[in-house]
Full PDB file with SEQRES, HELIX, SHEET, SSBOND, CRYST1, ORIGX, SCALE, CONECT and MASTER records, all heavy atoms in Angstrom:
SEQRES   1 A   39  ARG ASN LEU THR ASP LEU THR LEU LEU GLY ASN SER LEU          
SEQRES   2 A   39  GLY GLY HIS VAL GLY LEU LEU TYR THR PHE LYS HIS PRO          
SEQRES   3 A   39  ASP MET VAL LYS ARG LEU LEU LEU THR GLY SER SER GLY          
HELIX    1 AA1 LEU A   13  LYS A   24  1                                  12    
SHEET    1 AA1 2 LEU A   6  ASN A  11  0                                        
SHEET    2 AA1 2 VAL A  29  THR A  35  1                                        
CRYST1    1.000    1.000    1.000  90.00  90.00  90.00 P 1           1          
ORIGX1      1.000000  0.000000  0.000000        0.00000                         
ORIGX2      0.000000  1.000000  0.000000        0.00000                         
ORIGX3      0.000000  0.000000  1.000000        0.00000                         
SCALE1      1.000000  0.000000  0.000000        0.00000                         
SCALE2      0.000000  1.000000  0.000000        0.00000                         
SCALE3      0.000000  0.000000  1.000000        0.00000                         
ATOM      1  N   ARG A   1     -12.584   8.075  -5.456  1.00  0.00           N  
ATOM      2  CA  ARG A   1     -13.378   6.850  -5.606  1.00  0.00           C  
ATOM      3  C   ARG A   1     -14.026   6.436  -4.276  1.00  0.00           C  
ATOM      4  O   ARG A   1     -14.708   5.419  -4.219  1.00  0.00           O  
ATOM      5  CB  ARG A   1     -12.508   5.692  -6.137  1.00  0.00           C  
ATOM      6  CG  ARG A   1     -11.959   5.905  -7.529  1.00  0.00           C  
ATOM      7  CD  ARG A   1     -13.040   6.142  -8.567  1.00  0.00           C  
ATOM      8  NE  ARG A   1     -13.892   4.987  -8.789  1.00  0.00           N  
ATOM      9  CZ  ARG A   1     -15.138   5.033  -9.244  1.00  0.00           C  
ATOM     10  NH1 ARG A   1     -15.688   6.198  -9.515  1.00  0.00           N  
ATOM     11  NH2 ARG A   1     -15.835   3.934  -9.420  1.00  0.00           N  
ATOM     12  N   ASN A   2     -13.768   7.232  -3.225  1.00  0.00           N  
ATOM     13  CA  ASN A   2     -14.361   6.966  -1.911  1.00  0.00           C  
ATOM     14  C   ASN A   2     -14.051   5.543  -1.429  1.00  0.00           C  
ATOM     15  O   ASN A   2     -14.929   4.795  -1.004  1.00  0.00           O  
ATOM     16  CB  ASN A   2     -15.885   7.206  -1.986  1.00  0.00           C  
ATOM     17  CG  ASN A   2     -16.479   7.394  -0.605  1.00  0.00           C  
ATOM     18  OD1 ASN A   2     -15.763   7.700   0.355  1.00  0.00           O  
ATOM     19  ND2 ASN A   2     -17.777   7.175  -0.481  1.00  0.00           N  
ATOM     20  N   LEU A   3     -12.770   5.170  -1.517  1.00  0.00           N  
ATOM     21  CA  LEU A   3     -12.342   3.814  -1.146  1.00  0.00           C  
ATOM     22  C   LEU A   3     -11.982   3.770   0.334  1.00  0.00           C  
ATOM     23  O   LEU A   3     -11.411   4.725   0.871  1.00  0.00           O  
ATOM     24  CB  LEU A   3     -11.120   3.404  -1.980  1.00  0.00           C  
ATOM     25  CG  LEU A   3     -11.260   3.492  -3.507  1.00  0.00           C  
ATOM     26  CD1 LEU A   3      -9.929   3.190  -4.182  1.00  0.00           C  
ATOM     27  CD2 LEU A   3     -12.344   2.544  -4.021  1.00  0.00           C  
ATOM     28  N   THR A   4     -12.302   2.648   0.988  1.00  0.00           N  
ATOM     29  CA  THR A   4     -11.901   2.452   2.391  1.00  0.00           C  
ATOM     30  C   THR A   4     -11.488   0.994   2.571  1.00  0.00           C  
ATOM     31  O   THR A   4     -11.674   0.175   1.670  1.00  0.00           O  
ATOM     32  CB  THR A   4     -13.072   2.745   3.362  1.00  0.00           C  
ATOM     33  OG1 THR A   4     -14.176   1.911   2.977  1.00  0.00           O  
ATOM     34  CG2 THR A   4     -13.492   4.198   3.333  1.00  0.00           C  
ATOM     35  N   ASP A   5     -10.956   0.671   3.754  1.00  0.00           N  
ATOM     36  CA  ASP A   5     -10.580  -0.723   4.090  1.00  0.00           C  
ATOM     37  C   ASP A   5      -9.809  -1.383   2.942  1.00  0.00           C  
ATOM     38  O   ASP A   5     -10.210  -2.408   2.402  1.00  0.00           O  
ATOM     39  CB  ASP A   5     -11.835  -1.554   4.420  1.00  0.00           C  
ATOM     40  CG  ASP A   5     -12.531  -1.056   5.678  1.00  0.00           C  
ATOM     41  OD1 ASP A   5     -11.852  -0.429   6.515  1.00  0.00           O  
ATOM     42  OD2 ASP A   5     -13.745  -1.288   5.826  1.00  0.00           O  
ATOM     43  N   LEU A   6      -8.693  -0.783   2.607  1.00  0.00           N  
ATOM     44  CA  LEU A   6      -7.953  -1.210   1.418  1.00  0.00           C  
ATOM     45  C   LEU A   6      -7.096  -2.441   1.678  1.00  0.00           C  
ATOM     46  O   LEU A   6      -6.466  -2.567   2.721  1.00  0.00           O  
ATOM     47  CB  LEU A   6      -7.013  -0.088   0.959  1.00  0.00           C  
ATOM     48  CG  LEU A   6      -7.631   1.274   0.664  1.00  0.00           C  
ATOM     49  CD1 LEU A   6      -6.535   2.286   0.358  1.00  0.00           C  
ATOM     50  CD2 LEU A   6      -8.611   1.170  -0.500  1.00  0.00           C  
ATOM     51  N   THR A   7      -7.059  -3.319   0.670  1.00  0.00           N  
ATOM     52  CA  THR A   7      -5.986  -4.308   0.565  1.00  0.00           C  
ATOM     53  C   THR A   7      -5.095  -3.766  -0.542  1.00  0.00           C  
ATOM     54  O   THR A   7      -5.508  -3.673  -1.694  1.00  0.00           O  
ATOM     55  CB  THR A   7      -6.537  -5.690   0.184  1.00  0.00           C  
ATOM     56  OG1 THR A   7      -7.456  -6.105   1.197  1.00  0.00           O  
ATOM     57  CG2 THR A   7      -5.412  -6.708   0.072  1.00  0.00           C  
ATOM     58  N   LEU A   8      -3.880  -3.359  -0.168  1.00  0.00           N  
ATOM     59  CA  LEU A   8      -2.994  -2.650  -1.089  1.00  0.00           C  
ATOM     60  C   LEU A   8      -1.974  -3.625  -1.655  1.00  0.00           C  
ATOM     61  O   LEU A   8      -1.262  -4.286  -0.887  1.00  0.00           O  
ATOM     62  CB  LEU A   8      -2.296  -1.542  -0.293  1.00  0.00           C  
ATOM     63  CG  LEU A   8      -1.735  -0.328  -0.995  1.00  0.00           C  
ATOM     64  CD1 LEU A   8      -2.745   0.292  -1.939  1.00  0.00           C  
ATOM     65  CD2 LEU A   8      -1.296   0.709   0.035  1.00  0.00           C  
ATOM     66  N   LEU A   9      -1.894  -3.742  -2.986  1.00  0.00           N  
ATOM     67  CA  LEU A   9      -0.939  -4.630  -3.646  1.00  0.00           C  
ATOM     68  C   LEU A   9      -0.008  -3.783  -4.490  1.00  0.00           C  
ATOM     69  O   LEU A   9      -0.478  -3.030  -5.347  1.00  0.00           O  
ATOM     70  CB  LEU A   9      -1.647  -5.625  -4.573  1.00  0.00           C  
ATOM     71  CG  LEU A   9      -2.442  -6.777  -3.976  1.00  0.00           C  
ATOM     72  CD1 LEU A   9      -3.753  -6.290  -3.387  1.00  0.00           C  
ATOM     73  CD2 LEU A   9      -2.754  -7.809  -5.056  1.00  0.00           C  
ATOM     74  N   GLY A  10       1.293  -3.892  -4.262  1.00  0.00           N  
ATOM     75  CA  GLY A  10       2.224  -3.080  -5.040  1.00  0.00           C  
ATOM     76  C   GLY A  10       3.370  -3.900  -5.589  1.00  0.00           C  
ATOM     77  O   GLY A  10       3.974  -4.702  -4.880  1.00  0.00           O  
ATOM     78  N   ASN A  11       3.669  -3.680  -6.877  1.00  0.00           N  
ATOM     79  CA  ASN A  11       4.820  -4.320  -7.513  1.00  0.00           C  
ATOM     80  C   ASN A  11       5.899  -3.272  -7.749  1.00  0.00           C  
ATOM     81  O   ASN A  11       5.621  -2.187  -8.250  1.00  0.00           O  
ATOM     82  CB  ASN A  11       4.406  -4.950  -8.850  1.00  0.00           C  
ATOM     83  CG  ASN A  11       5.595  -5.442  -9.679  1.00  0.00           C  
ATOM     84  OD1 ASN A  11       5.811  -5.018 -10.798  1.00  0.00           O  
ATOM     85  ND2 ASN A  11       6.369  -6.339  -9.117  1.00  0.00           N  
ATOM     86  N   SER A  12       7.145  -3.615  -7.361  1.00  0.00           N  
ATOM     87  CA  SER A  12       8.301  -2.779  -7.653  1.00  0.00           C  
ATOM     88  C   SER A  12       8.106  -1.379  -7.056  1.00  0.00           C  
ATOM     89  O   SER A  12       7.838  -1.243  -5.859  1.00  0.00           O  
ATOM     90  CB  SER A  12       8.517  -2.746  -9.175  1.00  0.00           C  
ATOM     91  OG  SER A  12       9.784  -2.277  -9.493  1.00  0.00           O  
ATOM     92  N   LEU A  13       8.156  -0.327  -7.873  1.00  0.00           N  
ATOM     93  CA  LEU A  13       7.942   1.038  -7.367  1.00  0.00           C  
ATOM     94  C   LEU A  13       6.552   1.179  -6.733  1.00  0.00           C  
ATOM     95  O   LEU A  13       6.367   1.928  -5.775  1.00  0.00           O  
ATOM     96  CB  LEU A  13       8.102   2.044  -8.510  1.00  0.00           C  
ATOM     97  CG  LEU A  13       7.937   3.502  -8.093  1.00  0.00           C  
ATOM     98  CD1 LEU A  13       9.259   4.051  -7.555  1.00  0.00           C  
ATOM     99  CD2 LEU A  13       7.441   4.360  -9.249  1.00  0.00           C  
ATOM    100  N   GLY A  14       5.567   0.442  -7.256  1.00  0.00           N  
ATOM    101  CA  GLY A  14       4.209   0.484  -6.693  1.00  0.00           C  
ATOM    102  C   GLY A  14       4.163  -0.002  -5.254  1.00  0.00           C  
ATOM    103  O   GLY A  14       3.380   0.496  -4.443  1.00  0.00           O  
ATOM    104  N   GLY A  15       5.026  -0.980  -4.927  1.00  0.00           N  
ATOM    105  CA  GLY A  15       5.123  -1.449  -3.543  1.00  0.00           C  
ATOM    106  C   GLY A  15       5.667  -0.355  -2.638  1.00  0.00           C  
ATOM    107  O   GLY A  15       5.199  -0.151  -1.518  1.00  0.00           O  
ATOM    108  N   HIS A  16       6.640   0.381  -3.153  1.00  0.00           N  
ATOM    109  CA  HIS A  16       7.286   1.466  -2.415  1.00  0.00           C  
ATOM    110  C   HIS A  16       6.268   2.581  -2.134  1.00  0.00           C  
ATOM    111  O   HIS A  16       6.163   3.088  -1.002  1.00  0.00           O  
ATOM    112  CB  HIS A  16       8.436   1.989  -3.278  1.00  0.00           C  
ATOM    113  CG  HIS A  16       9.508   2.698  -2.535  1.00  0.00           C  
ATOM    114  ND1 HIS A  16      10.753   2.915  -3.068  1.00  0.00           N  
ATOM    115  CD2 HIS A  16       9.539   3.281  -1.306  1.00  0.00           C  
ATOM    116  CE1 HIS A  16      11.503   3.590  -2.195  1.00  0.00           C  
ATOM    117  NE2 HIS A  16      10.773   3.828  -1.124  1.00  0.00           N  
ATOM    118  N   VAL A  17       5.504   2.946  -3.167  1.00  0.00           N  
ATOM    119  CA  VAL A  17       4.452   3.971  -3.007  1.00  0.00           C  
ATOM    120  C   VAL A  17       3.412   3.470  -1.998  1.00  0.00           C  
ATOM    121  O   VAL A  17       2.948   4.221  -1.124  1.00  0.00           O  
ATOM    122  CB  VAL A  17       3.792   4.298  -4.373  1.00  0.00           C  
ATOM    123  CG1 VAL A  17       2.579   5.200  -4.197  1.00  0.00           C  
ATOM    124  CG2 VAL A  17       4.805   4.954  -5.312  1.00  0.00           C  
ATOM    125  N   GLY A  18       3.064   2.193  -2.106  1.00  0.00           N  
ATOM    126  CA  GLY A  18       2.099   1.594  -1.175  1.00  0.00           C  
ATOM    127  C   GLY A  18       2.572   1.649   0.269  1.00  0.00           C  
ATOM    128  O   GLY A  18       1.782   1.927   1.188  1.00  0.00           O  
ATOM    129  N   LEU A  19       3.859   1.416   0.486  1.00  0.00           N  
ATOM    130  CA  LEU A  19       4.418   1.489   1.845  1.00  0.00           C  
ATOM    131  C   LEU A  19       4.325   2.914   2.401  1.00  0.00           C  
ATOM    132  O   LEU A  19       3.900   3.120   3.534  1.00  0.00           O  
ATOM    133  CB  LEU A  19       5.881   1.025   1.840  1.00  0.00           C  
ATOM    134  CG  LEU A  19       6.096  -0.485   1.753  1.00  0.00           C  
ATOM    135  CD1 LEU A  19       7.537  -0.802   1.359  1.00  0.00           C  
ATOM    136  CD2 LEU A  19       5.746  -1.170   3.085  1.00  0.00           C  
ATOM    137  N   LEU A  20       4.723   3.895   1.582  1.00  0.00           N  
ATOM    138  CA  LEU A  20       4.685   5.292   2.047  1.00  0.00           C  
ATOM    139  C   LEU A  20       3.240   5.721   2.333  1.00  0.00           C  
ATOM    140  O   LEU A  20       2.972   6.434   3.304  1.00  0.00           O  
ATOM    141  CB  LEU A  20       5.318   6.227   1.009  1.00  0.00           C  
ATOM    142  CG  LEU A  20       6.814   6.007   0.717  1.00  0.00           C  
ATOM    143  CD1 LEU A  20       7.323   7.032  -0.292  1.00  0.00           C  
ATOM    144  CD2 LEU A  20       7.668   6.066   1.979  1.00  0.00           C  
ATOM    145  N   TYR A  21       2.301   5.252   1.498  1.00  0.00           N  
ATOM    146  CA  TYR A  21       0.886   5.558   1.725  1.00  0.00           C  
ATOM    147  C   TYR A  21       0.423   4.928   3.048  1.00  0.00           C  
ATOM    148  O   TYR A  21      -0.289   5.557   3.837  1.00  0.00           O  
ATOM    149  CB  TYR A  21       0.041   5.043   0.554  1.00  0.00           C  
ATOM    150  CG  TYR A  21      -1.439   5.307   0.747  1.00  0.00           C  
ATOM    151  CD1 TYR A  21      -2.014   6.512   0.349  1.00  0.00           C  
ATOM    152  CD2 TYR A  21      -2.263   4.363   1.371  1.00  0.00           C  
ATOM    153  CE1 TYR A  21      -3.359   6.770   0.557  1.00  0.00           C  
ATOM    154  CE2 TYR A  21      -3.616   4.619   1.587  1.00  0.00           C  
ATOM    155  CZ  TYR A  21      -4.154   5.814   1.182  1.00  0.00           C  
ATOM    156  OH  TYR A  21      -5.488   6.076   1.402  1.00  0.00           O  
ATOM    157  N   THR A  22       0.850   3.696   3.302  1.00  0.00           N  
ATOM    158  CA  THR A  22       0.454   2.982   4.531  1.00  0.00           C  
ATOM    159  C   THR A  22       1.003   3.680   5.775  1.00  0.00           C  
ATOM    160  O   THR A  22       0.310   3.785   6.787  1.00  0.00           O  
ATOM    161  CB  THR A  22       0.930   1.508   4.470  1.00  0.00           C  
ATOM    162  OG1 THR A  22       0.406   0.911   3.279  1.00  0.00           O  
ATOM    163  CG2 THR A  22       0.452   0.707   5.672  1.00  0.00           C  
ATOM    164  N   PHE A  23       2.244   4.173   5.701  1.00  0.00           N  
ATOM    165  CA  PHE A  23       2.801   4.915   6.849  1.00  0.00           C  
ATOM    166  C   PHE A  23       1.942   6.147   7.152  1.00  0.00           C  
ATOM    167  O   PHE A  23       1.715   6.487   8.307  1.00  0.00           O  
ATOM    168  CB  PHE A  23       4.239   5.396   6.573  1.00  0.00           C  
ATOM    169  CG  PHE A  23       5.249   4.299   6.347  1.00  0.00           C  
ATOM    170  CD1 PHE A  23       6.328   4.501   5.492  1.00  0.00           C  
ATOM    171  CD2 PHE A  23       5.132   3.067   6.984  1.00  0.00           C  
ATOM    172  CE1 PHE A  23       7.270   3.507   5.280  1.00  0.00           C  
ATOM    173  CE2 PHE A  23       6.072   2.064   6.777  1.00  0.00           C  
ATOM    174  CZ  PHE A  23       7.148   2.278   5.920  1.00  0.00           C  
ATOM    175  N   LYS A  24       1.476   6.819   6.085  1.00  0.00           N  
ATOM    176  CA  LYS A  24       0.701   8.059   6.274  1.00  0.00           C  
ATOM    177  C   LYS A  24      -0.746   7.798   6.673  1.00  0.00           C  
ATOM    178  O   LYS A  24      -1.355   8.619   7.348  1.00  0.00           O  
ATOM    179  CB  LYS A  24       0.693   8.871   4.959  1.00  0.00           C  
ATOM    180  CG  LYS A  24       1.910   9.742   4.764  1.00  0.00           C  
ATOM    181  CD  LYS A  24       1.759  10.636   3.536  1.00  0.00           C  
ATOM    182  CE  LYS A  24       0.963  11.907   3.827  1.00  0.00           C  
ATOM    183  NZ  LYS A  24       0.958  12.811   2.643  1.00  0.00           N  
ATOM    184  N   HIS A  25      -1.281   6.668   6.217  1.00  0.00           N  
ATOM    185  CA  HIS A  25      -2.717   6.390   6.425  1.00  0.00           C  
ATOM    186  C   HIS A  25      -2.931   4.977   6.967  1.00  0.00           C  
ATOM    187  O   HIS A  25      -3.575   4.153   6.314  1.00  0.00           O  
ATOM    188  CB  HIS A  25      -3.484   6.558   5.100  1.00  0.00           C  
ATOM    189  CG  HIS A  25      -3.305   7.896   4.473  1.00  0.00           C  
ATOM    190  ND1 HIS A  25      -3.994   9.017   4.911  1.00  0.00           N  
ATOM    191  CD2 HIS A  25      -2.493   8.313   3.467  1.00  0.00           C  
ATOM    192  CE1 HIS A  25      -3.614  10.061   4.174  1.00  0.00           C  
ATOM    193  NE2 HIS A  25      -2.705   9.663   3.304  1.00  0.00           N  
ATOM    194  N   PRO A  26      -2.398   4.698   8.153  1.00  0.00           N  
ATOM    195  CA  PRO A  26      -2.497   3.331   8.668  1.00  0.00           C  
ATOM    196  C   PRO A  26      -3.945   2.877   8.864  1.00  0.00           C  
ATOM    197  O   PRO A  26      -4.236   1.687   8.783  1.00  0.00           O  
ATOM    198  CB  PRO A  26      -1.750   3.392  10.004  1.00  0.00           C  
ATOM    199  CG  PRO A  26      -1.657   4.831  10.353  1.00  0.00           C  
ATOM    200  CD  PRO A  26      -1.660   5.595   9.060  1.00  0.00           C  
ATOM    201  N   ASP A  27      -4.846   3.834   9.068  1.00  0.00           N  
ATOM    202  CA  ASP A  27      -6.264   3.488   9.270  1.00  0.00           C  
ATOM    203  C   ASP A  27      -6.937   3.040   7.978  1.00  0.00           C  
ATOM    204  O   ASP A  27      -7.985   2.385   8.016  1.00  0.00           O  
ATOM    205  CB  ASP A  27      -7.011   4.712   9.828  1.00  0.00           C  
ATOM    206  CG  ASP A  27      -6.787   5.958   8.964  1.00  0.00           C  
ATOM    207  OD1 ASP A  27      -5.640   6.161   8.493  1.00  0.00           O  
ATOM    208  OD2 ASP A  27      -7.748   6.710   8.724  1.00  0.00           O  
ATOM    209  N   MET A  28      -6.360   3.397   6.827  1.00  0.00           N  
ATOM    210  CA  MET A  28      -6.994   3.086   5.531  1.00  0.00           C  
ATOM    211  C   MET A  28      -6.617   1.700   5.006  1.00  0.00           C  
ATOM    212  O   MET A  28      -7.326   1.116   4.198  1.00  0.00           O  
ATOM    213  CB  MET A  28      -6.561   4.113   4.474  1.00  0.00           C  
ATOM    214  CG  MET A  28      -7.041   5.518   4.732  1.00  0.00           C  
ATOM    215  SD  MET A  28      -8.829   5.672   4.501  1.00  0.00           S  
ATOM    216  CE  MET A  28      -8.948   5.590   2.719  1.00  0.00           C  
ATOM    217  N   VAL A  29      -5.448   1.204   5.434  1.00  0.00           N  
ATOM    218  CA  VAL A  29      -4.912  -0.040   4.852  1.00  0.00           C  
ATOM    219  C   VAL A  29      -5.099  -1.190   5.835  1.00  0.00           C  
ATOM    220  O   VAL A  29      -4.607  -1.131   6.957  1.00  0.00           O  
ATOM    221  CB  VAL A  29      -3.415   0.139   4.483  1.00  0.00           C  
ATOM    222  CG1 VAL A  29      -2.838  -1.147   3.908  1.00  0.00           C  
ATOM    223  CG2 VAL A  29      -3.246   1.293   3.491  1.00  0.00           C  
ATOM    224  N   LYS A  30      -5.801  -2.223   5.391  1.00  0.00           N  
ATOM    225  CA  LYS A  30      -6.088  -3.376   6.265  1.00  0.00           C  
ATOM    226  C   LYS A  30      -5.191  -4.567   5.972  1.00  0.00           C  
ATOM    227  O   LYS A  30      -4.989  -5.432   6.821  1.00  0.00           O  
ATOM    228  CB  LYS A  30      -7.557  -3.817   6.096  1.00  0.00           C  
ATOM    229  CG  LYS A  30      -8.580  -2.721   6.383  1.00  0.00           C  
ATOM    230  CD  LYS A  30      -8.498  -2.221   7.816  1.00  0.00           C  
ATOM    231  CE  LYS A  30      -9.565  -1.165   8.098  1.00  0.00           C  
ATOM    232  NZ  LYS A  30      -9.329  -0.474   9.348  1.00  0.00           N  
ATOM    233  N   ARG A  31      -4.703  -4.649   4.727  1.00  0.00           N  
ATOM    234  CA  ARG A  31      -3.810  -5.739   4.333  1.00  0.00           C  
ATOM    235  C   ARG A  31      -2.862  -5.199   3.270  1.00  0.00           C  
ATOM    236  O   ARG A  31      -3.224  -4.298   2.512  1.00  0.00           O  
ATOM    237  CB  ARG A  31      -4.601  -6.920   3.741  1.00  0.00           C  
ATOM    238  CG  ARG A  31      -5.551  -7.593   4.703  1.00  0.00           C  
ATOM    239  CD  ARG A  31      -6.335  -8.753   4.081  1.00  0.00           C  
ATOM    240  NE  ARG A  31      -7.294  -8.302   3.080  1.00  0.00           N  
ATOM    241  CZ  ARG A  31      -8.368  -9.018   2.698  1.00  0.00           C  
ATOM    242  NH1 ARG A  31      -8.598 -10.222   3.246  1.00  0.00           N  
ATOM    243  NH2 ARG A  31      -9.191  -8.550   1.784  1.00  0.00           N  
ATOM    244  N   LEU A  32      -1.661  -5.792   3.224  1.00  0.00           N  
ATOM    245  CA  LEU A  32      -0.625  -5.279   2.330  1.00  0.00           C  
ATOM    246  C   LEU A  32       0.044  -6.445   1.618  1.00  0.00           C  
ATOM    247  O   LEU A  32       0.355  -7.456   2.253  1.00  0.00           O  
ATOM    248  CB  LEU A  32       0.391  -4.513   3.181  1.00  0.00           C  
ATOM    249  CG  LEU A  32       1.501  -3.717   2.512  1.00  0.00           C  
ATOM    250  CD1 LEU A  32       0.940  -2.617   1.600  1.00  0.00           C  
ATOM    251  CD2 LEU A  32       2.407  -3.090   3.581  1.00  0.00           C  
ATOM    252  N   LEU A  33       0.238  -6.302   0.308  1.00  0.00           N  
ATOM    253  CA  LEU A  33       1.016  -7.297  -0.435  1.00  0.00           C  
ATOM    254  C   LEU A  33       2.115  -6.587  -1.206  1.00  0.00           C  
ATOM    255  O   LEU A  33       1.850  -5.612  -1.916  1.00  0.00           O  
ATOM    256  CB  LEU A  33       0.129  -8.064  -1.419  1.00  0.00           C  
ATOM    257  CG  LEU A  33       0.962  -9.015  -2.307  1.00  0.00           C  
ATOM    258  CD1 LEU A  33       0.328 -10.383  -2.431  1.00  0.00           C  
ATOM    259  CD2 LEU A  33       1.213  -8.439  -3.696  1.00  0.00           C  
ATOM    260  N   LEU A  34       3.339  -7.053  -1.030  1.00  0.00           N  
ATOM    261  CA  LEU A  34       4.473  -6.495  -1.758  1.00  0.00           C  
ATOM    262  C   LEU A  34       5.074  -7.581  -2.635  1.00  0.00           C  
ATOM    263  O   LEU A  34       5.267  -8.713  -2.185  1.00  0.00           O  
ATOM    264  CB  LEU A  34       5.548  -5.990  -0.783  1.00  0.00           C  
ATOM    265  CG  LEU A  34       5.110  -4.956   0.260  1.00  0.00           C  
ATOM    266  CD1 LEU A  34       6.250  -4.681   1.232  1.00  0.00           C  
ATOM    267  CD2 LEU A  34       4.654  -3.656  -0.414  1.00  0.00           C  
ATOM    268  N   THR A  35       5.359  -7.236  -3.883  1.00  0.00           N  
ATOM    269  CA  THR A  35       6.016  -8.189  -4.775  1.00  0.00           C  
ATOM    270  C   THR A  35       7.109  -7.448  -5.536  1.00  0.00           C  
ATOM    271  O   THR A  35       6.847  -6.449  -6.202  1.00  0.00           O  
ATOM    272  CB  THR A  35       4.983  -8.890  -5.701  1.00  0.00           C  
ATOM    273  OG1 THR A  35       5.666  -9.799  -6.543  1.00  0.00           O  
ATOM    274  CG2 THR A  35       4.160  -7.923  -6.537  1.00  0.00           C  
ATOM    275  N   GLY A  36       8.366  -7.872  -5.345  1.00  0.00           N  
ATOM    276  CA  GLY A  36       9.491  -7.181  -5.975  1.00  0.00           C  
ATOM    277  C   GLY A  36       9.536  -5.702  -5.621  1.00  0.00           C  
ATOM    278  O   GLY A  36       9.890  -4.863  -6.440  1.00  0.00           O  
ATOM    279  N   SER A  37       9.196  -5.373  -4.367  1.00  0.00           N  
ATOM    280  CA  SER A  37       9.063  -3.961  -3.994  1.00  0.00           C  
ATOM    281  C   SER A  37      10.425  -3.287  -3.836  1.00  0.00           C  
ATOM    282  O   SER A  37      11.365  -3.866  -3.300  1.00  0.00           O  
ATOM    283  CB  SER A  37       8.303  -3.855  -2.665  1.00  0.00           C  
ATOM    284  OG  SER A  37       8.193  -2.502  -2.284  1.00  0.00           O  
ATOM    285  N   SER A  38      10.491  -2.041  -4.277  1.00  0.00           N  
ATOM    286  CA  SER A  38      11.659  -1.222  -3.942  1.00  0.00           C  
ATOM    287  C   SER A  38      11.403  -0.616  -2.562  1.00  0.00           C  
ATOM    288  O   SER A  38      10.357  -0.813  -1.971  1.00  0.00           O  
ATOM    289  CB  SER A  38      11.901  -0.151  -5.005  1.00  0.00           C  
ATOM    290  OG  SER A  38      10.784   0.690  -5.167  1.00  0.00           O  
ATOM    291  N   GLY A  39      12.389   0.104  -2.047  1.00  0.00           N  
ATOM    292  CA  GLY A  39      12.222   0.704  -0.727  1.00  0.00           C  
ATOM    293  C   GLY A  39      13.367   0.360   0.209  1.00  0.00           C  
ATOM    294  O   GLY A  39      13.694   1.126   1.115  1.00  0.00           O  
TER     295      GLY A  39                                                      
MASTER        0    0    0    1    2    0    0    6  294    1    0    3          
END                                                                             
């Protein structure tokens, strides 16, 4: 989808996936929201 400058929102397992993605691609994620995140 050619996405950049992401605000990543993850619930539960989605928060966990979002965190791992952010560790790998810190340049891609500009803001992060976690709600009921695992991890």
